[in-house]
Protein backbone atom coordinates (compact mmCIF):
# COMPACT_ATOMS: atom_id res chain seq x y z
CA MET A 1 -4.67 41.47 56.44
CA THR A 2 -4.52 41.63 60.22
CA SER A 3 -1.30 43.03 61.47
CA ASN A 4 -0.29 42.22 65.19
CA LEU A 5 0.88 45.10 66.87
CA TYR A 6 4.26 43.35 67.42
CA ASP A 7 5.03 43.04 64.12
CA PHE A 8 7.68 45.45 63.90
CA LYS A 9 9.44 45.41 61.29
CA PHE A 10 13.01 47.51 62.25
CA ILE A 11 16.49 47.89 62.00
CA ASN A 12 18.56 47.51 65.54
CA ALA A 13 21.90 48.65 65.61
CA PRO A 14 23.49 47.89 69.88
CA ILE A 15 26.07 50.07 71.31
CA TYR A 16 27.40 47.38 73.81
CA LEU A 17 29.95 47.13 76.33
CA LYS A 18 31.24 43.79 76.32
CA TYR A 19 33.23 42.31 80.03
CA GLU A 20 34.45 38.81 80.31
CA VAL A 21 33.36 37.48 83.72
CA ALA A 22 34.60 33.89 82.97
CA ASN A 23 36.39 32.02 80.02
CA GLY A 24 34.10 32.14 77.20
CA LEU A 25 31.24 34.02 78.40
CA TYR A 26 30.61 37.50 78.82
CA ILE A 27 28.53 39.89 79.89
CA LEU A 28 27.12 43.23 77.14
CA ALA A 29 25.37 46.41 78.01
CA GLY A 30 24.25 49.44 76.52
CA PRO A 31 21.62 50.76 74.52
CA SER A 32 20.04 49.70 71.80
CA LEU A 33 18.87 52.13 67.97
CA ASN A 34 15.99 51.56 66.47
CA TYR A 35 15.10 52.86 63.13
CA PHE A 36 11.25 50.68 62.74
CA ILE A 37 10.32 50.84 58.95
CA ASP A 38 6.08 51.29 58.49
CA PHE A 39 4.74 51.51 61.70
CA PHE A 40 5.13 54.90 64.14
CA SER A 41 5.01 58.77 63.43
CA ASN A 42 8.66 58.77 65.45
CA LYS A 43 9.86 56.20 63.90
CA PHE A 44 13.67 56.51 66.06
CA LYS A 45 13.73 54.31 69.19
CA VAL A 46 15.78 54.29 72.27
CA ARG A 47 16.06 51.09 74.42
CA ALA A 48 18.62 49.56 76.93
CA ASP A 49 20.18 46.25 76.37
CA LEU A 50 21.12 44.22 78.99
CA SER A 51 23.18 40.23 77.61
CA THR A 52 25.08 38.04 78.46
CA SER A 53 26.69 35.66 75.73
CA TYR A 54 29.52 32.29 76.24
CA GLN A 55 31.71 31.33 73.65
CA ILE A 56 30.96 27.71 72.24
CA SER A 57 33.95 27.86 69.37
CA ARG A 58 36.22 30.22 68.04
CA SER A 59 32.88 30.84 65.00
CA LEU A 60 30.70 30.03 67.26
CA ASP A 61 28.76 31.64 70.14
CA ILE A 62 25.23 31.46 72.20
CA HIS A 63 23.32 34.71 73.57
CA LEU A 64 20.56 35.64 75.56
CA LYS A 65 19.17 39.23 75.88
CA TYR A 66 17.04 41.19 77.16
CA THR A 67 15.57 44.59 75.88
CA LEU A 68 13.31 47.24 78.13
CA GLY A 69 11.79 49.94 75.83
CA PHE A 70 11.34 52.73 77.90
CA GLU A 71 8.19 53.82 75.91
CA GLU A 72 4.88 51.97 76.10
CA ILE A 73 4.62 51.65 72.55
CA SER A 74 8.74 50.16 72.33
CA PRO A 75 8.08 46.90 74.89
CA ASN A 76 10.12 45.14 76.31
CA GLY A 77 11.25 41.91 75.28
CA LEU A 78 13.58 39.03 75.69
CA PHE A 79 15.69 37.06 72.73
CA LEU A 80 17.52 34.10 72.19
CA GLY A 81 20.05 33.99 69.24
CA LEU A 82 23.75 32.58 67.61
CA ASP A 83 26.17 33.85 66.40
CA PHE A 84 28.31 32.15 63.86
CA LYS A 85 31.53 34.63 62.69
CA LEU A 86 33.21 33.58 59.20
């Protein structure tokens, strides 16, 4: 069994400031606290996130997030997501 360097198992806890720039369009920024389950000896990493989201309806929004890793092994990344609120 081979493992790719980017196959991480981790818990992510972002802490964002959220600002509405237009009706339903938001900018979010803040640190992202990450705990890696089984890959690193130093398992806790802090990254910076910059995100935008658009609220499609009261219970559905789409977001795009860029994550900046401060260490070589914690790579930068671009993420696209969909949120559904119950």
